[in-house]
Amino acid sequence: METRTLASPPSILPLYARAAAPMVPGASLLPFLPGRGKEIPEIELELPGVRPDPEKVAAYARVCGFALRDSLPATYPMALAFPLHMAVMADGSFPFGAVGLVHVENRVEQRRPVGLEEELTIRVRPTKLKPHPRGQTFSLLTKVLSGRRIAWESTSTMLRRGKPAADRADSGADGTKSEADVPISARRPPEEGWPAGAEWELGGDLGRRYAGVSGDRNPIHMHALTAKPLGFPRAIAHGMWTKARCLAALESRLPDAFGVDVRFRKPILLPARVKFASAGEGDEIDFEVRDAKRGTPHLEGRVSPLEAKTKDGRK
């Protein structure tokens, strides 16, 4: 695997231009644009010396509903890593452009709270393509280190829509569905039920507000005029905003070290009114976001405490 160490964060706007260029007929033939490769390249980008800006962290916290603390919101490292995500997918060896990809699943592991004053190193690498009923998926693996130790990491699974694959990659060898195929909310015994939850009013400008604090200016989130050419009748909420807002609602119940898995279901068309609910105490908390009127599922998630690890990383 090739590792490239960057001297500074990549500039987002030129990366978006390169990521969208393959949508123009013939543009992918240019050597510096994605679309020429056949496989996901084996590259890793590393950005050392990252220091969070307290004002930007505070702005992110306000948009997502987190309390202001001396540590980063649990999802904020994703914003720090986003320029590297775009740089990986805008690389000339990448087989397709990033615009039009769908974020379908995300896992975050917070090994411990990350302080505002810490100097961090961020590493991002992609995984190989896997078959999916609606096309193909790959993941972006992110690690955030403080010194030589991993403090935070994530796996973002992206769907490239296309011809359905014959077999699901996450199905069992006998063709049965794995637990990952079962909606998280359905895994809780029916008798436990789901309590009444909070309702959130999401404005039509939410995508632009979150883009301003996260750097993610994907056209599907910005305005109906830019979302429609990509298949959406209106702008849709960022999946990572929805996840962040859920964790902000659960913030007082989260341990210092935890993992949180979410599956993004139906997109939230903005403006919207959605309902958040959670169930469980102690070791695990299940949560979900649904349309407040129709009950359409938008996100399902689960928080679990992380097991302690030895110095060499083993459990």
C-alpha atoms as a PDB file:
ATOM      1  CA  MET A   1       0.000   0.000   0.000  1.00  0.00           C
ATOM      2  CA  GLU A   2       1.213   3.470  -0.892  1.00  0.00           C
ATOM      3  CA  THR A   3       1.168   6.004   1.971  1.00  0.00           C
ATOM      4  CA  ARG A   4       1.180   9.699   1.123  1.00  0.00           C
ATOM      5  CA  THR A   5       1.883  12.210   3.869  1.00  0.00           C
ATOM      6  CA  LEU A   6       0.277  15.605   3.316  1.00  0.00           C
ATOM      7  CA  ALA A   7       1.683  18.915   4.498  1.00  0.00           C
ATOM      8  CA  SER A   8      -1.739  20.564   4.854  1.00  0.00           C
ATOM      9  CA  PRO A   9      -5.443  19.699   4.459  1.00  0.00           C
ATOM     10  CA  PRO A  10      -6.506  19.438   0.792  1.00  0.00           C
ATOM     11  CA  SER A  11      -8.698  22.249  -0.537  1.00  0.00           C
ATOM     12  CA  ILE A  12     -12.296  21.013  -0.769  1.00  0.00           C
ATOM     13  CA  LEU A  13     -13.689  22.973  -3.741  1.00  0.00           C
ATOM     14  CA  PRO A  14     -11.108  21.766  -6.307  1.00  0.00           C
ATOM     15  CA  LEU A  15     -11.638  18.219  -5.026  1.00  0.00           C
ATOM     16  CA  TYR A  16     -15.388  18.521  -5.586  1.00  0.00           C
ATOM     17  CA  ALA A  17     -14.739  19.716  -9.130  1.00  0.00           C
ATOM     18  CA  ARG A  18     -12.545  16.672  -9.786  1.00  0.00           C
ATOM     19  CA  ALA A  19     -15.042  14.344  -8.093  1.00  0.00           C
ATOM     20  CA  ALA A  20     -17.915  15.627 -10.264  1.00  0.00           C
ATOM     21  CA  ALA A  21     -15.940  15.759 -13.526  1.00  0.00           C
ATOM     22  CA  PRO A  22     -16.505  12.061 -14.431  1.00  0.00           C
ATOM     23  CA  MET A  23     -20.200  12.919 -14.902  1.00  0.00           C
ATOM     24  CA  VAL A  24     -19.149  14.862 -18.024  1.00  0.00           C
ATOM     25  CA  PRO A  25     -18.861  12.485 -21.019  1.00  0.00           C
ATOM     26  CA  GLY A  26     -15.239  11.776 -21.869  1.00  0.00           C
ATOM     27  CA  ALA A  27     -13.792  13.648 -18.875  1.00  0.00           C
ATOM     28  CA  SER A  28     -12.727  10.438 -17.122  1.00  0.00           C
ATOM     29  CA  LEU A  29     -10.163   9.852 -19.881  1.00  0.00           C
ATOM     30  CA  LEU A  30      -8.044  12.648 -18.446  1.00  0.00           C
ATOM     31  CA  PRO A  31      -5.239  11.119 -16.335  1.00  0.00           C
ATOM     32  CA  PHE A  32      -5.687  13.389 -13.319  1.00  0.00           C
ATOM     33  CA  LEU A  33      -9.433  12.727 -12.900  1.00  0.00           C
ATOM     34  CA  PRO A  34     -11.102   9.709 -11.266  1.00  0.00           C
ATOM     35  CA  GLY A  35     -12.813   7.219 -13.535  1.00  0.00           C
ATOM     36  CA  ARG A  36      -9.905   5.536 -15.310  1.00  0.00           C
ATOM     37  CA  GLY A  37      -9.105   2.853 -12.764  1.00  0.00           C
ATOM     38  CA  LYS A  38     -10.937  -0.470 -12.515  1.00  0.00           C
ATOM     39  CA  GLU A  39     -10.310  -1.179  -8.825  1.00  0.00           C
ATOM     40  CA  ILE A  40     -10.182   0.886  -5.641  1.00  0.00           C
ATOM     41  CA  PRO A  41      -6.520   1.951  -5.321  1.00  0.00           C
ATOM     42  CA  GLU A  42      -4.408   0.776  -2.385  1.00  0.00           C
ATOM     43  CA  ILE A  43      -3.482   4.174  -1.013  1.00  0.00           C
ATOM     44  CA  GLU A  44      -3.446   5.767   2.420  1.00  0.00           C
ATOM     45  CA  LEU A  45      -3.385   9.485   3.073  1.00  0.00           C
ATOM     46  CA  GLU A  46      -1.859  10.785   6.292  1.00  0.00           C
ATOM     47  CA  LEU A  47      -2.188  14.306   7.663  1.00  0.00           C
ATOM     48  CA  PRO A  48      -0.096  15.014  10.790  1.00  0.00           C
ATOM     49  CA  GLY A  49      -0.126  18.092  13.007  1.00  0.00           C
ATOM     50  CA  VAL A  50      -3.900  18.641  13.019  1.00  0.00           C
ATOM     51  CA  ARG A  51      -5.116  20.972  15.764  1.00  0.00           C
ATOM     52  CA  PRO A  52      -8.889  21.506  16.045  1.00  0.00           C
ATOM     53  CA  ASP A  53     -10.016  25.131  15.848  1.00  0.00           C
ATOM     54  CA  PRO A  54     -12.142  25.804  18.987  1.00  0.00           C
ATOM     55  CA  GLU A  55     -14.395  28.273  17.130  1.00  0.00           C
ATOM     56  CA  LYS A  56     -15.100  25.763  14.343  1.00  0.00           C
ATOM     57  CA  VAL A  57     -15.743  23.036  16.905  1.00  0.00           C
ATOM     58  CA  ALA A  58     -18.212  25.308  18.708  1.00  0.00           C
ATOM     59  CA  ALA A  59     -20.014  26.103  15.433  1.00  0.00           C
ATOM     60  CA  TYR A  60     -20.266  22.390  14.648  1.00  0.00           C
ATOM     61  CA  ALA A  61     -21.602  21.680  18.137  1.00  0.00           C
ATOM     62  CA  ARG A  62     -24.313  24.322  17.752  1.00  0.00           C
ATOM     63  CA  VAL A  63     -25.543  22.975  14.405  1.00  0.00           C
ATOM     64  CA  CYS A  64     -25.626  19.385  15.691  1.00  0.00           C
ATOM     65  CA  GLY A  65     -26.944  20.052  19.195  1.00  0.00           C
ATOM     66  CA  PHE A  66     -23.887  19.072  21.255  1.00  0.00           C
ATOM     67  CA  ALA A  67     -23.017  20.795  24.520  1.00  0.00           C
ATOM     68  CA  LEU A  68     -19.838  22.879  24.516  1.00  0.00           C
ATOM     69  CA  ARG A  69     -17.071  20.965  26.282  1.00  0.00           C
ATOM     70  CA  ASP A  70     -13.273  20.808  26.445  1.00  0.00           C
ATOM     71  CA  SER A  71     -13.377  17.707  24.239  1.00  0.00           C
ATOM     72  CA  LEU A  72     -14.514  17.174  20.649  1.00  0.00           C
ATOM     73  CA  PRO A  73     -18.088  16.095  19.848  1.00  0.00           C
ATOM     74  CA  ALA A  74     -18.037  12.364  19.157  1.00  0.00           C
ATOM     75  CA  THR A  75     -18.563  12.828  15.413  1.00  0.00           C
ATOM     76  CA  TYR A  76     -16.379  15.899  14.876  1.00  0.00           C
ATOM     77  CA  PRO A  77     -13.236  13.973  13.831  1.00  0.00           C
ATOM     78  CA  MET A  78     -15.222  12.993  10.730  1.00  0.00           C
ATOM     79  CA  ALA A  79     -15.258  16.663   9.724  1.00  0.00           C
ATOM     80  CA  LEU A  80     -11.493  16.850  10.249  1.00  0.00           C
ATOM     81  CA  ALA A  81     -11.036  13.789   8.046  1.00  0.00           C
ATOM     82  CA  PHE A  82     -13.481  14.827   5.317  1.00  0.00           C
ATOM     83  CA  PRO A  83     -10.883  16.587   3.088  1.00  0.00           C
ATOM     84  CA  LEU A  84      -8.850  13.358   3.082  1.00  0.00           C
ATOM     85  CA  HIS A  85     -11.966  11.355   2.173  1.00  0.00           C
ATOM     86  CA  MET A  86     -12.506  13.622  -0.813  1.00  0.00           C
ATOM     87  CA  ALA A  87      -8.829  13.501  -1.791  1.00  0.00           C
ATOM     88  CA  VAL A  88      -8.899   9.691  -1.851  1.00  0.00           C
ATOM     89  CA  MET A  89     -12.013   9.598  -4.042  1.00  0.00           C
ATOM     90  CA  ALA A  90     -10.761  12.382  -6.337  1.00  0.00           C
ATOM     91  CA  ASP A  91      -7.486  10.569  -7.014  1.00  0.00           C
ATOM     92  CA  GLY A  92      -6.843   9.846 -10.688  1.00  0.00           C
ATOM     93  CA  SER A  93      -6.596   6.112  -9.971  1.00  0.00           C
ATOM     94  CA  PHE A  94     -10.069   5.963  -8.386  1.00  0.00           C
ATOM     95  CA  PRO A  95     -12.555   4.058 -10.602  1.00  0.00           C
ATOM     96  CA  PHE A  96     -15.432   6.572 -10.367  1.00  0.00           C
ATOM     97  CA  GLY A  97     -16.285  10.010  -9.055  1.00  0.00           C
ATOM     98  CA  ALA A  98     -17.587  10.692  -5.557  1.00  0.00           C
ATOM     99  CA  VAL A  99     -20.650  12.718  -6.567  1.00  0.00           C
ATOM    100  CA  GLY A 100     -23.669  10.420  -6.576  1.00  0.00           C
ATOM    101  CA  LEU A 101     -22.312   7.972  -3.994  1.00  0.00           C
ATOM    102  CA  VAL A 102     -24.689   7.142  -1.128  1.00  0.00           C
ATOM    103  CA  HIS A 103     -23.516   6.848   2.477  1.00  0.00           C
ATOM    104  CA  VAL A 104     -25.328   3.713   3.696  1.00  0.00           C
ATOM    105  CA  GLU A 105     -23.630   2.752   6.976  1.00  0.00           C
ATOM    106  CA  ASN A 106     -21.226   4.279   9.460  1.00  0.00           C
ATOM    107  CA  ARG A 107     -19.400   3.040  12.533  1.00  0.00           C
ATOM    108  CA  VAL A 108     -17.517   5.296  14.933  1.00  0.00           C
ATOM    109  CA  GLU A 109     -15.296   4.095  17.768  1.00  0.00           C
ATOM    110  CA  GLN A 110     -14.322   6.661  20.356  1.00  0.00           C
ATOM    111  CA  ARG A 111     -11.552   5.093  22.415  1.00  0.00           C
ATOM    112  CA  ARG A 112     -11.586   8.090  24.742  1.00  0.00           C
ATOM    113  CA  PRO A 113     -12.682  11.744  24.608  1.00  0.00           C
ATOM    114  CA  VAL A 114     -10.369  13.771  22.354  1.00  0.00           C
ATOM    115  CA  GLY A 115      -9.311  17.071  23.903  1.00  0.00           C
ATOM    116  CA  LEU A 116      -9.634  20.392  22.099  1.00  0.00           C
ATOM    117  CA  GLU A 117      -5.941  21.127  22.590  1.00  0.00           C
ATOM    118  CA  GLU A 118      -4.579  17.829  21.293  1.00  0.00           C
ATOM    119  CA  GLU A 119      -2.391  17.571  18.191  1.00  0.00           C
ATOM    120  CA  LEU A 120      -3.705  14.793  15.978  1.00  0.00           C
ATOM    121  CA  THR A 121      -2.656  12.673  13.019  1.00  0.00           C
ATOM    122  CA  ILE A 122      -5.390  11.558  10.607  1.00  0.00           C
ATOM    123  CA  ARG A 123      -5.098   8.539   8.320  1.00  0.00           C
ATOM    124  CA  VAL A 124      -7.624   7.543   5.648  1.00  0.00           C
ATOM    125  CA  ARG A 125      -7.650   4.582   3.273  1.00  0.00           C
ATOM    126  CA  PRO A 126     -10.326   2.926   1.119  1.00  0.00           C
ATOM    127  CA  THR A 127     -11.274  -0.758   0.986  1.00  0.00           C
ATOM    128  CA  LYS A 128     -11.989  -2.962  -2.018  1.00  0.00           C
ATOM    129  CA  LEU A 129     -15.340  -3.026  -3.791  1.00  0.00           C
ATOM    130  CA  LYS A 130     -17.952  -5.526  -2.615  1.00  0.00           C
ATOM    131  CA  PRO A 131     -21.191  -6.625  -4.316  1.00  0.00           C
ATOM    132  CA  HIS A 132     -24.465  -5.162  -3.064  1.00  0.00           C
ATOM    133  CA  PRO A 133     -28.109  -5.668  -4.140  1.00  0.00           C
ATOM    134  CA  ARG A 134     -28.173  -2.100  -5.465  1.00  0.00           C
ATOM    135  CA  GLY A 135     -24.677  -1.970  -6.957  1.00  0.00           C
ATOM    136  CA  GLN A 136     -21.318  -2.039  -5.177  1.00  0.00           C
ATOM    137  CA  THR A 137     -20.008  -0.791  -1.849  1.00  0.00           C
ATOM    138  CA  PHE A 138     -16.641   0.190  -0.442  1.00  0.00           C
ATOM    139  CA  SER A 139     -15.590   1.743   2.843  1.00  0.00           C
ATOM    140  CA  LEU A 140     -13.397   4.630   3.897  1.00  0.00           C
ATOM    141  CA  LEU A 141     -11.412   3.703   7.003  1.00  0.00           C
ATOM    142  CA  THR A 142     -10.345   6.613   9.195  1.00  0.00           C
ATOM    143  CA  LYS A 143      -7.998   6.584  12.164  1.00  0.00           C
ATOM    144  CA  VAL A 144      -7.275   9.589  14.380  1.00  0.00           C
ATOM    145  CA  LEU A 145      -4.136   9.269  16.475  1.00  0.00           C
ATOM    146  CA  SER A 146      -2.882  11.304  19.395  1.00  0.00           C
ATOM    147  CA  GLY A 147       0.807  10.592  19.594  1.00  0.00           C
ATOM    148  CA  ARG A 148       1.116   6.957  18.577  1.00  0.00           C
ATOM    149  CA  ARG A 149      -2.201   5.811  19.996  1.00  0.00           C
ATOM    150  CA  ILE A 150      -5.531   5.617  18.185  1.00  0.00           C
ATOM    151  CA  ALA A 151      -8.072   7.812  19.961  1.00  0.00           C
ATOM    152  CA  TRP A 152     -10.893   7.607  17.417  1.00  0.00           C
ATOM    153  CA  GLU A 153     -11.688   5.674  14.257  1.00  0.00           C
ATOM    154  CA  SER A 154     -14.538   5.180  11.832  1.00  0.00           C
ATOM    155  CA  THR A 155     -15.751   3.082   8.917  1.00  0.00           C
ATOM    156  CA  SER A 156     -17.953   4.831   6.345  1.00  0.00           C
ATOM    157  CA  THR A 157     -19.607   2.470   3.871  1.00  0.00           C
ATOM    158  CA  MET A 158     -20.476   4.014   0.517  1.00  0.00           C
ATOM    159  CA  LEU A 159     -22.822   2.650  -2.145  1.00  0.00           C
ATOM    160  CA  ARG A 160     -22.219   3.120  -5.837  1.00  0.00           C
ATOM    161  CA  ARG A 161     -25.632   2.526  -7.348  1.00  0.00           C
ATOM    162  CA  GLY A 162     -25.797   0.242 -10.349  1.00  0.00           C
ATOM    163  CA  LYS A 163     -26.870  -3.187 -11.514  1.00  0.00           C
ATOM    164  CA  PRO A 164     -27.841  -5.321  -8.483  1.00  0.00           C
ATOM    165  CA  ALA A 165     -25.270  -7.918  -7.497  1.00  0.00           C
ATOM    166  CA  ALA A 166     -26.255 -11.585  -7.659  1.00  0.00           C
ATOM    167  CA  ASP A 167     -25.212 -12.277  -4.064  1.00  0.00           C
ATOM    168  CA  ARG A 168     -25.051 -10.111  -0.999  1.00  0.00           C
ATOM    169  CA  ALA A 169     -21.584  -9.804   0.459  1.00  0.00           C
ATOM    170  CA  ASP A 170     -22.911  -9.784   4.028  1.00  0.00           C
ATOM    171  CA  SER A 171     -25.171 -12.815   3.702  1.00  0.00           C
ATOM    172  CA  GLY A 172     -24.208 -16.087   5.290  1.00  0.00           C
ATOM    173  CA  ALA A 173     -22.710 -18.934   3.285  1.00  0.00           C
ATOM    174  CA  ASP A 174     -26.121 -20.634   3.214  1.00  0.00           C
ATOM    175  CA  GLY A 175     -27.822 -17.534   1.816  1.00  0.00           C
ATOM    176  CA  THR A 176     -29.489 -16.565   5.093  1.00  0.00           C
ATOM    177  CA  LYS A 177     -29.331 -13.012   6.320  1.00  0.00           C
ATOM    178  CA  SER A 178     -26.766 -12.007   8.895  1.00  0.00           C
ATOM    179  CA  GLU A 179     -27.641  -9.830  11.890  1.00  0.00           C
ATOM    180  CA  ALA A 180     -26.453  -6.835   9.871  1.00  0.00           C
ATOM    181  CA  ASP A 181     -29.422  -7.376   7.513  1.00  0.00           C
ATOM    182  CA  VAL A 182     -31.929  -7.087  10.350  1.00  0.00           C
ATOM    183  CA  PRO A 183     -33.044  -3.537  11.216  1.00  0.00           C
ATOM    184  CA  ILE A 184     -31.460  -2.564  14.513  1.00  0.00           C
ATOM    185  CA  SER A 185     -34.810  -1.569  15.988  1.00  0.00           C
ATOM    186  CA  ALA A 186     -36.174  -5.053  15.208  1.00  0.00           C
ATOM    187  CA  ARG A 187     -33.495  -6.736  17.323  1.00  0.00           C
ATOM    188  CA  ARG A 188     -34.975  -5.401  20.564  1.00  0.00           C
ATOM    189  CA  PRO A 189     -37.625  -7.738  22.056  1.00  0.00           C
ATOM    190  CA  PRO A 190     -41.118  -6.469  21.095  1.00  0.00           C
ATOM    191  CA  GLU A 191     -42.281  -6.382  24.700  1.00  0.00           C
ATOM    192  CA  GLU A 192     -39.686  -3.713  25.508  1.00  0.00           C
ATOM    193  CA  GLY A 193     -41.160  -1.392  22.895  1.00  0.00           C
ATOM    194  CA  TRP A 194     -39.924   2.093  22.026  1.00  0.00           C
ATOM    195  CA  PRO A 195     -40.687   5.053  24.273  1.00  0.00           C
ATOM    196  CA  ALA A 196     -42.159   8.303  23.062  1.00  0.00           C
ATOM    197  CA  GLY A 197     -39.383  10.425  21.634  1.00  0.00           C
ATOM    198  CA  ALA A 198     -38.510  13.987  20.756  1.00  0.00           C
ATOM    199  CA  GLU A 199     -39.621  15.638  17.539  1.00  0.00           C
ATOM    200  CA  TRP A 200     -37.199  17.759  15.542  1.00  0.00           C
ATOM    201  CA  GLU A 201     -38.145  20.399  12.988  1.00  0.00           C
ATOM    202  CA  LEU A 202     -35.491  20.448  10.248  1.00  0.00           C
ATOM    203  CA  GLY A 203     -35.331  23.593   8.143  1.00  0.00           C
ATOM    204  CA  GLY A 204     -34.782  23.694   4.418  1.00  0.00           C
ATOM    205  CA  ASP A 205     -31.364  25.274   4.989  1.00  0.00           C
ATOM    206  CA  LEU A 206     -30.077  22.481   7.253  1.00  0.00           C
ATOM    207  CA  GLY A 207     -27.924  20.970   4.508  1.00  0.00           C
ATOM    208  CA  ARG A 208     -26.213  24.298   3.868  1.00  0.00           C
ATOM    209  CA  ARG A 209     -25.741  24.951   7.595  1.00  0.00           C
ATOM    210  CA  TYR A 210     -24.153  21.555   8.162  1.00  0.00           C
ATOM    211  CA  ALA A 211     -22.029  21.924   5.027  1.00  0.00           C
ATOM    212  CA  GLY A 212     -20.650  25.133   6.498  1.00  0.00           C
ATOM    213  CA  VAL A 213     -19.367  23.387   9.628  1.00  0.00           C
ATOM    214  CA  SER A 214     -18.410  19.999   8.143  1.00  0.00           C
ATOM    215  CA  GLY A 215     -17.046  20.867   4.700  1.00  0.00           C
ATOM    216  CA  ASP A 216     -19.382  18.345   3.043  1.00  0.00           C
ATOM    217  CA  ARG A 217     -20.938  20.369   0.210  1.00  0.00           C
ATOM    218  CA  ASN A 218     -22.309  17.487  -1.805  1.00  0.00           C
ATOM    219  CA  PRO A 219     -24.932  18.979  -4.199  1.00  0.00           C
ATOM    220  CA  ILE A 220     -27.636  16.606  -2.914  1.00  0.00           C
ATOM    221  CA  HIS A 221     -27.576  18.458   0.421  1.00  0.00           C
ATOM    222  CA  MET A 222     -27.382  22.053  -0.733  1.00  0.00           C
ATOM    223  CA  HIS A 223     -30.532  22.958  -2.658  1.00  0.00           C
ATOM    224  CA  ALA A 224     -33.404  21.390  -4.601  1.00  0.00           C
ATOM    225  CA  LEU A 225     -31.913  22.740  -7.847  1.00  0.00           C
ATOM    226  CA  THR A 226     -28.669  20.803  -7.292  1.00  0.00           C
ATOM    227  CA  ALA A 227     -30.319  17.723  -5.776  1.00  0.00           C
ATOM    228  CA  LYS A 228     -32.805  17.106  -8.613  1.00  0.00           C
ATOM    229  CA  PRO A 229     -30.206  16.245 -11.300  1.00  0.00           C
ATOM    230  CA  LEU A 230     -28.936  13.556  -8.909  1.00  0.00           C
ATOM    231  CA  GLY A 231     -32.334  11.959  -8.409  1.00  0.00           C
ATOM    232  CA  PHE A 232     -33.752  13.735  -5.336  1.00  0.00           C
ATOM    233  CA  PRO A 233     -36.863  15.966  -5.472  1.00  0.00           C
ATOM    234  CA  ARG A 234     -35.460  18.217  -2.742  1.00  0.00           C
ATOM    235  CA  ALA A 235     -32.221  18.617  -0.833  1.00  0.00           C
ATOM    236  CA  ILE A 236     -31.643  15.859   1.726  1.00  0.00           C
ATOM    237  CA  ALA A 237     -30.138  16.010   5.205  1.00  0.00           C
ATOM    238  CA  HIS A 238     -26.578  14.753   5.648  1.00  0.00           C
ATOM    239  CA  GLY A 239     -26.527  11.290   7.158  1.00  0.00           C
ATOM    240  CA  MET A 240     -23.682  12.317   9.457  1.00  0.00           C
ATOM    241  CA  TRP A 241     -25.694  15.306  10.715  1.00  0.00           C
ATOM    242  CA  THR A 242     -28.515  12.900  11.627  1.00  0.00           C
ATOM    243  CA  LYS A 243     -26.075  10.614  13.417  1.00  0.00           C
ATOM    244  CA  ALA A 244     -24.462  13.545  15.199  1.00  0.00           C
ATOM    245  CA  ARG A 245     -27.839  14.913  16.294  1.00  0.00           C
ATOM    246  CA  CYS A 246     -28.767  11.518  17.751  1.00  0.00           C
ATOM    247  CA  LEU A 247     -25.512  11.281  19.708  1.00  0.00           C
ATOM    248  CA  ALA A 248     -26.028  14.831  20.964  1.00  0.00           C
ATOM    249  CA  ALA A 249     -29.433  13.755  22.284  1.00  0.00           C
ATOM    250  CA  LEU A 250     -27.783  10.771  24.018  1.00  0.00           C
ATOM    251  CA  GLU A 251     -24.684  12.668  25.139  1.00  0.00           C
ATOM    252  CA  SER A 252     -25.359  12.487  28.884  1.00  0.00           C
ATOM    253  CA  ARG A 253     -25.747   8.688  28.665  1.00  0.00           C
ATOM    254  CA  LEU A 254     -22.600   7.919  26.664  1.00  0.00           C
ATOM    255  CA  PRO A 255     -19.534   6.324  28.280  1.00  0.00           C
ATOM    256  CA  ASP A 256     -16.073   7.719  27.565  1.00  0.00           C
ATOM    257  CA  ALA A 257     -15.255   4.775  25.284  1.00  0.00           C
ATOM    258  CA  PHE A 258     -17.951   3.464  22.969  1.00  0.00           C
ATOM    259  CA  GLY A 259     -18.768   2.282  19.471  1.00  0.00           C
ATOM    260  CA  VAL A 260     -21.827   3.479  17.586  1.00  0.00           C
ATOM    261  CA  ASP A 261     -23.184   1.839  14.453  1.00  0.00           C
ATOM    262  CA  VAL A 262     -25.839   3.381  12.247  1.00  0.00           C
ATOM    263  CA  ARG A 263     -27.606   2.361   9.090  1.00  0.00           C
ATOM    264  CA  PHE A 264     -28.989   5.140   6.932  1.00  0.00           C
ATOM    265  CA  ARG A 265     -32.397   4.124   5.590  1.00  0.00           C
ATOM    266  CA  LYS A 266     -34.647   6.522   3.622  1.00  0.00           C
ATOM    267  CA  PRO A 267     -33.173  10.009   3.023  1.00  0.00           C
ATOM    268  CA  ILE A 268     -34.684  12.938   4.903  1.00  0.00           C
ATOM    269  CA  LEU A 269     -36.114  15.392   2.362  1.00  0.00           C
ATOM    270  CA  LEU A 270     -35.792  18.943   3.656  1.00  0.00           C
ATOM    271  CA  PRO A 271     -37.643  20.650   5.243  1.00  0.00           C
ATOM    272  CA  ALA A 272     -38.901  17.864   7.481  1.00  0.00           C
ATOM    273  CA  ARG A 273     -40.301  16.944  10.864  1.00  0.00           C
ATOM    274  CA  VAL A 274     -38.769  13.780  12.314  1.00  0.00           C
ATOM    275  CA  LYS A 275     -39.068  11.807  15.529  1.00  0.00           C
ATOM    276  CA  PHE A 276     -36.117  10.540  17.585  1.00  0.00           C
ATOM    277  CA  ALA A 277     -36.521   7.665  20.022  1.00  0.00           C
ATOM    278  CA  SER A 278     -34.146   5.519  22.044  1.00  0.00           C
ATOM    279  CA  ALA A 279     -34.397   2.413  24.221  1.00  0.00           C
ATOM    280  CA  GLY A 280     -32.038   0.679  26.590  1.00  0.00           C
ATOM    281  CA  GLU A 281     -29.819   1.585  29.478  1.00  0.00           C
ATOM    282  CA  GLY A 282     -26.399   0.451  30.637  1.00  0.00           C
ATOM    283  CA  ASP A 283     -24.426  -1.571  28.136  1.00  0.00           C
ATOM    284  CA  GLU A 284     -26.373  -0.851  24.949  1.00  0.00           C
ATOM    285  CA  ILE A 285     -28.684   1.856  23.643  1.00  0.00           C
ATOM    286  CA  ASP A 286     -30.717   1.448  20.469  1.00  0.00           C
ATOM    287  CA  PHE A 287     -32.032   4.553  18.736  1.00  0.00           C
ATOM    288  CA  GLU A 288     -33.826   5.560  15.568  1.00  0.00           C
ATOM    289  CA  VAL A 289     -35.081   8.514  13.560  1.00  0.00           C
ATOM    290  CA  ARG A 290     -38.374   8.298  11.665  1.00  0.00           C
ATOM    291  CA  ASP A 291     -40.642  10.645   9.763  1.00  0.00           C
ATOM    292  CA  ALA A 292     -42.911  12.152  12.412  1.00  0.00           C
ATOM    293  CA  LYS A 293     -46.074  11.768  10.331  1.00  0.00           C
ATOM    294  CA  ARG A 294     -45.587   8.657   8.184  1.00  0.00           C
ATOM    295  CA  GLY A 295     -43.191   6.687  10.366  1.00  0.00           C
ATOM    296  CA  THR A 296     -40.751   6.179   7.483  1.00  0.00           C
ATOM    297  CA  PRO A 297     -37.408   4.980   8.914  1.00  0.00           C
ATOM    298  CA  HIS A 298     -34.491   7.320   8.254  1.00  0.00           C
ATOM    299  CA  LEU A 299     -31.773   6.027  10.585  1.00  0.00           C
ATOM    300  CA  GLU A 300     -31.310   3.106  12.978  1.00  0.00           C
ATOM    301  CA  GLY A 301     -28.404   2.906  15.379  1.00  0.00           C
ATOM    302  CA  ARG A 302     -26.882   1.243  18.382  1.00  0.00           C
ATOM    303  CA  VAL A 303     -24.351   2.424  20.970  1.00  0.00           C
ATOM    304  CA  SER A 304     -22.208  -0.176  22.727  1.00  0.00           C
ATOM    305  CA  PRO A 305     -19.372   0.289  25.220  1.00  0.00           C
ATOM    306  CA  LEU A 306     -15.908  -0.587  23.943  1.00  0.00           C
ATOM    307  CA  GLU A 307     -14.020  -3.378  25.616  1.00  0.00           C
ATOM    308  CA  ALA A 308     -10.738  -2.431  27.253  1.00  0.00           C
ATOM    309  CA  LYS A 309      -7.647  -3.168  25.162  1.00  0.00           C
ATOM    310  CA  THR A 310      -4.078  -3.927  26.084  1.00  0.00           C
ATOM    311  CA  LYS A 311      -1.191  -1.724  25.001  1.00  0.00           C
ATOM    312  CA  ASP A 312      -0.642  -3.778  21.845  1.00  0.00           C
ATOM    313  CA  GLY A 313      -4.295  -3.269  20.833  1.00  0.00           C
ATOM    314  CA  ARG A 314      -5.617  -6.710  21.739  1.00  0.00           C
ATOM    315  CA  LYS A 315      -8.782  -7.165  23.769  1.00  0.00           C
END
